């Protein structure tokens, strides 16, 4: 079992930055990839970024490439999502996810992740 807890969401203005964190506990040694997704009201869950558990491989959705950065945190068993130049269309609930079933090379689909956090809400005002 893997447990994920997101934090860092909030209300910001367009152009601001925000850093989300995902705390991982449990069987972290079974994780291949960590991913970040978001879901806006009335929309499907959207892939944002993924990072291998070793931290050596990352991948981003075109919609956030150059603005968002995924990384392993300094604290053990954390994964961060640094979000810069936020836009109102970035407003959503943000989720981190862990995949213990897909070893790569590309892990973008929600179905490839078997553990999810509860989500943290990000609201970007114009």
Foldseek 3Di string as FASTA:
>chain_A
DKAKAKDWADEEAAQAKTKMKIAIDDPLVLFQKKFKWWDAPPDDIFTAKMAGSVRPDMDGDPVQPPFWDWGADPDPRMIMIIGGRDDQVVWTWMKMFTASDDNDDDDGDPVRTDGIYPTDTHGYHD
